[in-house]
Amino acid sequence: MFPHARRTRLLAVAAIASTVALTAACSGGGESAEANEDGTPSGDLLVLTWRTDLLEDGTFDEYAERFNEEYPDVDVEFEGLTDYEGEVRTRMNTDDYGDVLGVVGTVTPDQFPDFFEPLGDVEELETEYRFLRDKTFDGQAYGIPVVGNTQGIVYNKTVWEDAGITEPPTTPEDFVDALKAIKENDPEVVPLYTNYKDGWPLTQWEGHRGEITANPDYVNEMAQSDAPWTEGTDHYVIDSLLWDVVNQGLTEEDPTTTNWEESKSLLANGRIGSMVLGSWAIQQMQAAAEDAGTGADTIGYLPFPHQVDGTFYAAVGGDYNLAINKNSENKVAARAWIDWFNTESGYAEANGGLSPLKEGPTPDTLKDFEALGVEYLELTPAPAGKESLFADIDAESEVGTNTPDYRQRIVDAARGASGETKDQIFDDLNSEWAAGRAAVEG
């Protein structure tokens, strides 16, 4: 745990620096920003959030009360959005998208200055924070993550142990064999649940890129490749595993009827064996297990079934990044909220995630990874001037690596619903990606 005195000092320094920076910006640029005469934050602040559950249980009200102990002249209000990505994306067509918000995934780096206030030089911010590079452009940070995540597979330990599996699979083939053993032990159990209908859970598979080759430059190198779905590449291995588990009947029988909320209790009660999800999900599954009476210890976390020289690798990065609406009339208070939330609220620790602070603790939820000696892998940021290259190719090619459609297509083909073969899909993806590169780079 970050010592309280240390955290308070960092907050004070950050808040003062932020206030000075924003006051200077307002003086030079003619923009407005509410603050008292002494520069302390004041006024009304609207914070958009995707965590509607924390609004409903009163957690955000408690955050506001604690924030007001240090900033009594700021009136904080929250707005929870159930379809956060979709609703915020729509509202960003106007100026009305709150004062503080989490950066949605569809905003490309070259668009950050159009929507968000710069938060400072990224190298200076990196003396305190980590996982910043994903939301930077031209040397400036436009978002600070609220928590860091790694990638893996949540699983029901009892289900796996009852099927005789006591060691983590180290290869995709071992993983498929483990799922077969679960199905043979109890045909009523779904060995791996894709959450196909909800869509977004399938995008969690993308988080494993870089792990297969233990290559932090994987994404940058993919932007230079015309065939990322060639045997041996990360995408080939990841998507082949998805194909195999569906094709061999080891996932839900009817993927069009899956239910995300229900899947938590099904995993907790042993009706589902495992799900591919980021570490943010561990605590939610443990809570479901507590509610089900099976206990939090029923839930475990496995790395992707692949090793390099005997070592598992797991990608790490920031979750949602908090940013300031460029059109906000209260940027001083907005920055104070972001700094306070990331250094004082305890959000990362409470949610079992990796701290966005460089000196933050490792959560207990990742004790399984520690026991297995999993090495964390942070992807190398794109070089200056090419921050948007991957996103531009991804959009131009219409592959959509972080969209549900891409992997729903694989699931549909693997279950025989579309008539496509795995090779046809991979060849098509390679062609689309190459065409996208050609269009973007000329």
Protein backbone atom coordinates (compact mmCIF):
# COMPACT_ATOMS: atom_id res chain seq x y z
CA MET A 1 0.00 0.00 0.00
CA PHE A 2 1.22 3.45 -0.85
CA PRO A 3 1.94 5.23 2.48
CA HIS A 4 -0.77 7.80 3.15
CA ALA A 5 1.64 10.65 3.89
CA ARG A 6 3.50 10.00 0.64
CA ARG A 7 0.26 9.86 -1.34
CA THR A 8 -0.97 13.09 0.16
CA ARG A 9 2.26 14.85 -0.73
CA LEU A 10 2.12 13.60 -4.32
CA LEU A 11 -1.45 14.78 -4.63
CA ALA A 12 -0.58 18.21 -3.34
CA VAL A 13 2.29 18.56 -5.77
CA ALA A 14 0.25 17.26 -8.68
CA ALA A 15 -2.74 19.45 -7.88
CA ILE A 16 -0.63 22.57 -7.56
CA ALA A 17 1.22 21.81 -10.79
CA SER A 18 -2.04 21.09 -12.58
CA THR A 19 -3.66 24.27 -11.35
CA VAL A 20 -0.68 26.33 -12.44
CA ALA A 21 -0.56 24.66 -15.84
CA LEU A 22 -4.26 25.12 -16.48
CA THR A 23 -4.28 28.70 -15.20
CA ALA A 24 -1.41 29.47 -17.56
CA ALA A 25 -3.25 27.81 -20.43
CA CYS A 26 -6.37 29.83 -19.72
CA SER A 27 -4.42 33.07 -19.56
CA GLY A 28 -2.76 32.41 -22.88
CA GLY A 29 -5.59 30.80 -24.75
CA GLY A 30 -8.54 32.80 -23.53
CA GLU A 31 -10.40 29.69 -22.34
CA SER A 32 -12.37 29.71 -19.11
CA ALA A 33 -11.79 27.58 -16.05
CA GLU A 34 -13.62 27.90 -12.72
CA ALA A 35 -11.41 28.41 -9.67
CA ASN A 36 -11.28 30.55 -6.57
CA GLU A 37 -9.11 33.65 -6.55
CA ASP A 38 -6.32 31.68 -4.89
CA GLY A 39 -6.45 29.12 -7.71
CA THR A 40 -8.07 26.32 -5.73
CA PRO A 41 -10.69 24.31 -7.66
CA SER A 42 -14.35 25.25 -7.35
CA GLY A 43 -17.62 25.01 -9.24
CA ASP A 44 -19.70 22.20 -10.72
CA LEU A 45 -18.11 19.03 -12.07
CA LEU A 46 -19.82 16.28 -14.09
CA VAL A 47 -18.01 12.93 -14.19
CA LEU A 48 -19.18 10.30 -16.68
CA THR A 49 -18.63 6.71 -15.59
CA TRP A 50 -19.05 3.20 -16.94
CA ARG A 51 -19.21 1.80 -13.37
CA THR A 52 -22.95 2.02 -12.89
CA ASP A 53 -22.66 -0.62 -10.17
CA LEU A 54 -20.55 1.73 -8.04
CA LEU A 55 -23.13 4.46 -8.53
CA GLU A 56 -25.93 2.18 -7.40
CA ASP A 57 -24.15 0.92 -4.28
CA GLY A 58 -23.10 4.41 -3.15
CA THR A 59 -19.36 4.00 -3.67
CA PHE A 60 -19.12 7.09 -5.86
CA ASP A 61 -20.99 9.15 -3.27
CA GLU A 62 -18.33 8.13 -0.76
CA TYR A 63 -15.62 9.17 -3.22
CA ALA A 64 -17.27 12.59 -3.62
CA GLU A 65 -17.49 13.07 0.15
CA ARG A 66 -13.80 12.30 0.59
CA PHE A 67 -12.86 14.51 -2.38
CA ASN A 68 -14.83 17.38 -0.82
CA GLU A 69 -12.81 17.07 2.37
CA GLU A 70 -9.91 18.48 0.33
CA TYR A 71 -11.88 20.46 -2.26
CA PRO A 72 -15.03 21.68 -0.48
CA ASP A 73 -15.88 24.22 -3.21
CA VAL A 74 -16.36 21.61 -5.94
CA ASP A 75 -19.83 20.13 -6.45
CA VAL A 76 -19.28 16.70 -8.03
CA GLU A 77 -22.04 14.92 -9.89
CA PHE A 78 -21.84 11.55 -11.65
CA GLU A 79 -23.61 10.16 -14.66
CA GLY A 80 -23.51 6.40 -15.18
CA LEU A 81 -23.89 5.01 -18.70
CA THR A 82 -24.72 1.36 -19.23
CA ASP A 83 -23.68 1.42 -22.90
CA TYR A 84 -20.72 3.60 -22.08
CA GLU A 85 -18.78 3.26 -25.33
CA GLY A 86 -21.80 3.78 -27.53
CA GLU A 87 -23.38 6.64 -25.60
CA VAL A 88 -20.17 8.60 -25.09
CA ARG A 89 -19.22 8.14 -28.75
CA THR A 90 -22.56 9.67 -29.73
CA ARG A 91 -22.29 12.55 -27.25
CA MET A 92 -18.83 13.40 -28.53
CA ASN A 93 -20.55 14.70 -31.65
CA THR A 94 -21.51 17.61 -29.35
CA ASP A 95 -19.66 19.48 -26.57
CA ASP A 96 -21.80 17.73 -23.93
CA TYR A 97 -19.71 14.79 -22.79
CA GLY A 98 -19.08 15.73 -19.16
CA ASP A 99 -16.08 17.44 -17.60
CA VAL A 100 -14.25 14.20 -16.79
CA LEU A 101 -14.74 10.99 -18.73
CA GLY A 102 -13.05 7.73 -19.62
CA VAL A 103 -11.55 7.77 -23.12
CA VAL A 104 -13.58 5.50 -25.40
CA GLY A 105 -11.71 3.04 -27.57
CA THR A 106 -12.80 4.44 -30.92
CA VAL A 107 -10.92 7.73 -30.49
CA THR A 108 -7.60 7.45 -32.32
CA PRO A 109 -4.45 9.15 -30.95
CA ASP A 110 -4.42 11.86 -33.60
CA GLN A 111 -7.96 12.79 -32.49
CA PHE A 112 -7.06 13.28 -28.81
CA PRO A 113 -6.30 17.03 -29.19
CA ASP A 114 -9.70 17.49 -30.84
CA PHE A 115 -11.60 16.16 -27.83
CA PHE A 116 -9.43 16.30 -24.71
CA GLU A 117 -7.28 18.69 -22.71
CA PRO A 118 -3.57 17.75 -22.60
CA LEU A 119 -2.60 16.59 -19.10
CA GLY A 120 1.13 17.19 -19.41
CA ASP A 121 4.38 15.96 -20.89
CA VAL A 122 4.23 12.18 -20.90
CA GLU A 123 7.82 11.70 -19.74
CA GLU A 124 7.23 13.95 -16.73
CA LEU A 125 3.99 12.18 -15.84
CA GLU A 126 5.73 8.82 -16.13
CA THR A 127 7.79 9.64 -13.05
CA GLU A 128 4.59 8.97 -11.12
CA TYR A 129 2.24 7.01 -13.41
CA ARG A 130 2.49 3.97 -15.67
CA PHE A 131 0.41 2.67 -18.59
CA LEU A 132 0.20 6.19 -20.05
CA ARG A 133 1.53 5.66 -23.55
CA ASP A 134 -1.69 4.29 -25.02
CA LYS A 135 -3.35 7.69 -24.67
CA THR A 136 -0.56 10.01 -25.75
CA PHE A 137 -0.01 12.01 -28.88
CA ASP A 138 2.89 14.22 -29.90
CA GLY A 139 4.55 13.86 -26.50
CA GLN A 140 1.45 14.86 -24.52
CA ALA A 141 -0.68 12.62 -22.30
CA TYR A 142 -4.42 12.97 -22.79
CA GLY A 143 -5.55 10.35 -20.27
CA ILE A 144 -4.44 8.67 -17.04
CA PRO A 145 -5.65 5.11 -16.38
CA VAL A 146 -7.71 4.45 -13.27
CA VAL A 147 -6.32 0.94 -12.95
CA GLY A 148 -4.03 -1.44 -14.79
CA ASN A 149 -5.07 -4.84 -16.11
CA THR A 150 -3.39 -7.98 -17.25
CA GLN A 151 -4.89 -10.73 -19.38
CA GLY A 152 -5.79 -14.32 -18.64
CA ILE A 153 -8.53 -16.87 -18.10
CA VAL A 154 -10.84 -16.91 -15.08
CA TYR A 155 -11.80 -20.45 -14.12
CA ASN A 156 -13.66 -22.50 -11.54
CA LYS A 157 -11.00 -24.44 -9.64
CA THR A 158 -13.44 -27.09 -8.45
CA VAL A 159 -14.56 -27.86 -12.01
CA TRP A 160 -11.01 -28.20 -13.25
CA GLU A 161 -9.88 -30.29 -10.25
CA ASP A 162 -12.91 -32.61 -10.54
CA ALA A 163 -11.85 -33.23 -14.16
CA GLY A 164 -8.39 -34.23 -12.94
CA ILE A 165 -6.59 -31.09 -14.13
CA THR A 166 -4.15 -29.92 -11.50
CA GLU A 167 -1.52 -28.15 -13.62
CA PRO A 168 -2.03 -25.10 -15.85
CA PRO A 169 -1.98 -25.92 -19.58
CA THR A 170 1.22 -24.70 -21.17
CA THR A 171 0.18 -25.10 -24.83
CA PRO A 172 -3.04 -24.52 -26.78
CA GLU A 173 -3.25 -28.28 -27.34
CA ASP A 174 -3.04 -28.93 -23.58
CA PHE A 175 -5.76 -26.34 -23.04
CA VAL A 176 -8.08 -28.06 -25.52
CA ASP A 177 -7.38 -31.40 -23.84
CA ALA A 178 -8.22 -29.87 -20.47
CA LEU A 179 -11.56 -28.59 -21.77
CA LYS A 180 -12.29 -32.02 -23.23
CA ALA A 181 -11.62 -33.58 -19.83
CA ILE A 182 -14.07 -31.16 -18.21
CA LYS A 183 -16.76 -32.04 -20.72
CA GLU A 184 -16.13 -35.77 -20.33
CA ASN A 185 -16.33 -35.46 -16.54
CA ASP A 186 -19.64 -33.59 -16.64
CA PRO A 187 -21.39 -33.03 -19.99
CA GLU A 188 -23.65 -30.39 -18.36
CA VAL A 189 -20.68 -28.07 -17.76
CA VAL A 190 -19.71 -25.61 -20.51
CA PRO A 191 -15.90 -25.91 -20.51
CA LEU A 192 -15.34 -22.42 -21.97
CA TYR A 193 -17.98 -19.70 -22.27
CA THR A 194 -17.41 -17.11 -25.01
CA ASN A 195 -20.23 -14.68 -24.15
CA TYR A 196 -20.74 -14.39 -27.91
CA LYS A 197 -24.09 -12.59 -27.77
CA ASP A 198 -22.83 -9.74 -25.63
CA GLY A 199 -20.00 -9.32 -28.08
CA TRP A 200 -17.53 -7.28 -26.10
CA PRO A 201 -16.21 -10.25 -24.06
CA LEU A 202 -14.84 -11.69 -27.31
CA THR A 203 -12.65 -8.60 -27.67
CA GLN A 204 -10.80 -9.78 -24.54
CA TRP A 205 -8.97 -12.33 -26.69
CA GLU A 206 -7.21 -9.43 -28.41
CA GLY A 207 -5.53 -8.52 -25.15
CA HIS A 208 -3.19 -11.50 -25.52
CA ARG A 209 -1.34 -10.09 -28.53
CA GLY A 210 2.36 -9.86 -27.78
CA GLU A 211 2.22 -12.69 -25.22
CA ILE A 212 2.67 -15.54 -27.70
CA THR A 213 6.04 -14.34 -28.95
CA ALA A 214 6.87 -12.44 -25.74
CA ASN A 215 7.42 -9.50 -28.04
CA PRO A 216 6.69 -6.02 -26.67
CA ASP A 217 7.02 -4.64 -30.22
CA TYR A 218 4.37 -6.98 -31.62
CA VAL A 219 1.74 -4.34 -32.37
CA ASN A 220 4.23 -1.96 -33.99
CA GLU A 221 5.57 -4.81 -36.10
CA MET A 222 2.04 -5.86 -37.05
CA ALA A 223 1.61 -2.40 -38.55
CA GLN A 224 4.50 -3.28 -40.86
CA SER A 225 3.19 -6.72 -41.84
CA ASP A 226 0.96 -7.75 -44.73
CA ALA A 227 0.18 -11.16 -43.22
CA PRO A 228 -0.41 -11.05 -39.43
CA TRP A 229 -2.48 -14.25 -39.59
CA THR A 230 0.45 -16.42 -40.72
CA GLU A 231 1.28 -19.57 -38.74
CA GLY A 232 3.47 -18.74 -35.75
CA THR A 233 2.22 -15.20 -35.25
CA ASP A 234 0.35 -14.14 -32.13
CA HIS A 235 -2.93 -13.65 -33.99
CA TYR A 236 -2.64 -17.02 -35.68
CA VAL A 237 -2.15 -18.80 -32.33
CA ILE A 238 -4.84 -16.82 -30.46
CA ASP A 239 -7.49 -17.14 -33.16
CA SER A 240 -6.65 -20.77 -33.87
CA LEU A 241 -7.33 -21.59 -30.23
CA LEU A 242 -10.69 -19.82 -30.41
CA TRP A 243 -11.47 -21.74 -33.59
CA ASP A 244 -10.47 -25.10 -32.06
CA VAL A 245 -12.46 -24.78 -28.83
CA VAL A 246 -15.61 -23.81 -30.73
CA ASN A 247 -15.08 -26.28 -33.55
CA GLN A 248 -14.66 -29.15 -31.08
CA GLY A 249 -17.85 -28.33 -29.21
CA LEU A 250 -16.19 -27.09 -26.03
CA THR A 251 -18.15 -23.82 -25.79
CA GLU A 252 -21.80 -22.94 -25.23
CA GLU A 253 -24.19 -24.91 -27.45
CA ASP A 254 -26.10 -21.83 -28.65
CA PRO A 255 -23.80 -18.77 -28.52
CA THR A 256 -26.60 -16.46 -29.67
CA THR A 257 -28.32 -16.79 -26.27
CA THR A 258 -25.41 -16.07 -23.92
CA ASN A 259 -25.85 -13.65 -21.03
CA TRP A 260 -22.94 -11.77 -19.45
CA GLU A 261 -24.52 -11.12 -16.05
CA GLU A 262 -25.76 -14.69 -15.80
CA SER A 263 -22.35 -16.04 -16.79
CA LYS A 264 -20.89 -14.81 -13.49
CA SER A 265 -23.17 -16.99 -11.38
CA LEU A 266 -22.82 -19.90 -13.81
CA LEU A 267 -19.04 -19.81 -13.38
CA ALA A 268 -19.41 -19.44 -9.62
CA ASN A 269 -21.77 -22.43 -9.45
CA GLY A 270 -19.60 -24.65 -11.62
CA ARG A 271 -21.85 -24.68 -14.69
CA ILE A 272 -19.12 -22.93 -16.65
CA GLY A 273 -15.48 -24.01 -16.47
CA SER A 274 -13.67 -20.92 -17.72
CA MET A 275 -13.87 -17.60 -19.56
CA VAL A 276 -11.19 -15.53 -21.34
CA LEU A 277 -11.27 -12.17 -19.51
CA GLY A 278 -8.94 -9.47 -18.24
CA SER A 279 -7.87 -9.40 -14.61
CA TRP A 280 -10.53 -6.76 -13.93
CA ALA A 281 -13.04 -9.64 -13.94
CA ILE A 282 -11.46 -11.68 -11.15
CA GLN A 283 -13.01 -9.72 -8.33
CA GLN A 284 -16.44 -9.72 -9.96
CA MET A 285 -16.31 -13.51 -10.32
CA GLN A 286 -15.10 -13.91 -6.74
CA ALA A 287 -18.00 -11.76 -5.56
CA ALA A 288 -20.39 -13.96 -7.53
CA ALA A 289 -18.85 -17.02 -5.90
CA GLU A 290 -19.34 -15.47 -2.46
CA ASP A 291 -22.98 -14.78 -3.33
CA ALA A 292 -23.37 -18.35 -4.55
CA GLY A 293 -21.90 -19.72 -1.34
CA THR A 294 -19.03 -21.44 -3.10
CA GLY A 295 -16.42 -18.97 -1.81
CA ALA A 296 -14.04 -16.56 -3.50
CA ASP A 297 -11.26 -19.15 -3.46
CA THR A 298 -13.26 -21.17 -5.99
CA ILE A 299 -12.20 -18.68 -8.67
CA GLY A 300 -8.70 -18.91 -10.12
CA TYR A 301 -6.81 -17.13 -12.87
CA LEU A 302 -4.73 -18.79 -15.57
CA PRO A 303 -2.33 -17.26 -18.10
CA PHE A 304 -2.90 -17.85 -21.81
CA PRO A 305 -1.78 -21.44 -22.53
CA HIS A 306 1.51 -20.67 -24.22
CA GLN A 307 5.06 -20.36 -22.96
CA VAL A 308 8.33 -19.00 -24.29
CA ASP A 309 11.34 -20.91 -22.96
CA GLY A 310 9.24 -22.28 -20.12
CA THR A 311 7.78 -18.94 -19.03
CA PHE A 312 4.23 -17.60 -19.25
CA TYR A 313 3.88 -13.99 -20.41
CA ALA A 314 0.90 -11.75 -19.75
CA ALA A 315 0.28 -8.36 -21.32
CA VAL A 316 -0.38 -5.43 -18.99
CA GLY A 317 -1.83 -2.03 -19.74
CA GLY A 318 -4.21 0.63 -18.55
CA ASP A 319 -7.97 0.24 -18.26
CA TYR A 320 -10.13 3.29 -18.99
CA ASN A 321 -8.10 6.51 -18.96
CA LEU A 322 -9.65 9.55 -17.31
CA ALA A 323 -9.53 12.65 -19.51
CA ILE A 324 -10.80 16.23 -19.44
CA ASN A 325 -13.35 17.37 -21.99
CA LYS A 326 -11.65 20.03 -24.09
CA ASN A 327 -14.87 22.05 -23.93
CA SER A 328 -15.20 21.87 -20.15
CA GLU A 329 -15.63 25.15 -18.32
CA ASN A 330 -14.14 23.67 -15.17
CA LYS A 331 -10.82 22.16 -16.17
CA VAL A 332 -9.07 23.06 -12.91
CA ALA A 333 -11.55 21.05 -10.83
CA ALA A 334 -11.55 18.31 -13.47
CA ARG A 335 -7.80 17.89 -13.14
CA ALA A 336 -8.02 17.92 -9.36
CA TRP A 337 -10.56 15.09 -9.56
CA ILE A 338 -8.35 13.00 -11.85
CA ASP A 339 -5.30 13.41 -9.61
CA TRP A 340 -7.26 12.74 -6.44
CA PHE A 341 -9.03 9.72 -7.92
CA ASN A 342 -5.81 8.08 -9.05
CA THR A 343 -3.76 8.78 -5.93
CA GLU A 344 -6.25 8.95 -3.07
CA SER A 345 -9.46 7.09 -3.84
CA GLY A 346 -8.04 3.57 -3.54
CA TYR A 347 -10.08 2.55 -6.61
CA ALA A 348 -7.37 0.33 -8.11
CA GLU A 349 -6.75 -1.55 -4.87
CA ALA A 350 -10.48 -1.94 -4.16
CA ASN A 351 -11.04 -3.42 -7.61
CA GLY A 352 -8.16 -5.86 -7.46
CA GLY A 353 -6.29 -4.20 -10.31
CA LEU A 354 -2.74 -3.11 -10.88
CA SER A 355 -2.14 0.38 -9.57
CA PRO A 356 -1.59 3.11 -12.19
CA LEU A 357 1.05 4.49 -9.81
CA LYS A 358 4.62 3.35 -10.40
CA GLU A 359 4.99 2.60 -6.68
CA GLY A 360 1.61 0.91 -6.37
CA PRO A 361 1.11 -2.59 -4.93
CA THR A 362 0.37 -5.87 -6.73
CA PRO A 363 -3.17 -7.01 -5.89
CA ASP A 364 -3.96 -10.30 -4.13
CA THR A 365 -6.18 -11.26 -7.07
CA LEU A 366 -3.03 -11.97 -9.10
CA LYS A 367 -1.47 -14.32 -6.56
CA ASP A 368 -2.01 -17.21 -9.02
CA PHE A 369 0.17 -15.43 -11.57
CA GLU A 370 2.83 -14.77 -8.97
CA ALA A 371 2.88 -18.45 -8.02
CA LEU A 372 3.37 -19.43 -11.68
CA GLY A 373 6.14 -16.89 -12.23
CA VAL A 374 4.19 -15.12 -14.97
CA GLU A 375 6.21 -12.33 -16.59
CA TYR A 376 4.31 -9.13 -17.31
CA LEU A 377 4.71 -7.65 -20.76
CA GLU A 378 3.99 -3.97 -21.49
CA LEU A 379 3.77 -3.27 -25.19
CA THR A 380 6.15 -0.71 -26.66
CA PRO A 381 4.37 2.51 -27.64
CA ALA A 382 4.28 3.53 -31.27
CA PRO A 383 7.13 5.81 -32.33
CA ALA A 384 6.50 9.53 -32.53
CA GLY A 385 4.53 10.43 -35.61
CA LYS A 386 3.05 6.94 -35.91
CA GLU A 387 0.78 6.90 -32.84
CA SER A 388 -2.29 6.38 -35.01
CA LEU A 389 -0.78 4.08 -37.63
CA PHE A 390 -2.11 0.80 -36.18
CA ALA A 391 -5.56 2.26 -35.53
CA ASP A 392 -5.69 3.75 -39.01
CA ILE A 393 -4.80 0.43 -40.65
CA ASP A 394 -7.25 -1.40 -38.41
CA ALA A 395 -10.05 0.99 -39.44
CA GLU A 396 -9.14 1.19 -43.12
CA SER A 397 -8.89 -2.60 -43.44
CA GLU A 398 -12.22 -2.98 -41.58
CA VAL A 399 -10.70 -5.89 -39.65
CA GLY A 400 -11.55 -4.24 -36.32
CA THR A 401 -9.22 -6.14 -34.01
CA ASN A 402 -10.97 -4.71 -30.96
CA THR A 403 -14.51 -5.15 -32.23
CA PRO A 404 -16.77 -8.16 -31.53
CA ASP A 405 -17.55 -8.75 -35.22
CA TYR A 406 -14.08 -10.00 -36.04
CA ARG A 407 -14.13 -12.89 -33.57
CA GLN A 408 -17.85 -13.54 -33.87
CA ARG A 409 -17.07 -14.35 -37.49
CA ILE A 410 -14.52 -16.95 -36.32
CA VAL A 411 -17.00 -18.44 -33.84
CA ASP A 412 -19.74 -18.63 -36.48
CA ALA A 413 -17.45 -20.36 -38.96
CA ALA A 414 -16.03 -22.75 -36.38
CA ARG A 415 -19.52 -23.87 -35.34
CA GLY A 416 -20.51 -24.41 -38.97
CA ALA A 417 -22.90 -21.47 -39.25
CA SER A 418 -21.22 -19.64 -42.13
CA GLY A 419 -19.53 -22.24 -44.30
CA GLU A 420 -16.12 -20.55 -44.07
CA THR A 421 -12.99 -22.49 -43.14
CA LYS A 422 -10.29 -21.25 -40.79
CA ASP A 423 -7.82 -20.90 -43.66
CA GLN A 424 -10.33 -18.88 -45.68
CA ILE A 425 -10.89 -16.49 -42.81
CA PHE A 426 -7.19 -16.07 -42.06
CA ASP A 427 -6.38 -15.55 -45.76
CA ASP A 428 -9.15 -12.97 -45.95
CA LEU A 429 -7.92 -11.18 -42.84
CA ASN A 430 -4.41 -11.06 -44.29
CA SER A 431 -5.71 -9.61 -47.56
CA GLU A 432 -7.83 -7.00 -45.78
CA TRP A 433 -4.95 -5.99 -43.53
CA ALA A 434 -2.54 -5.66 -46.47
CA ALA A 435 -5.07 -3.54 -48.37
CA GLY A 436 -5.55 -1.35 -45.30
CA ARG A 437 -1.79 -0.83 -44.98
CA ALA A 438 -1.52 0.07 -48.64
CA ALA A 439 -4.32 2.59 -48.37
CA VAL A 440 -2.94 4.22 -45.21
CA GLU A 441 0.73 4.32 -46.19
CA GLY A 442 0.20 4.94 -49.89
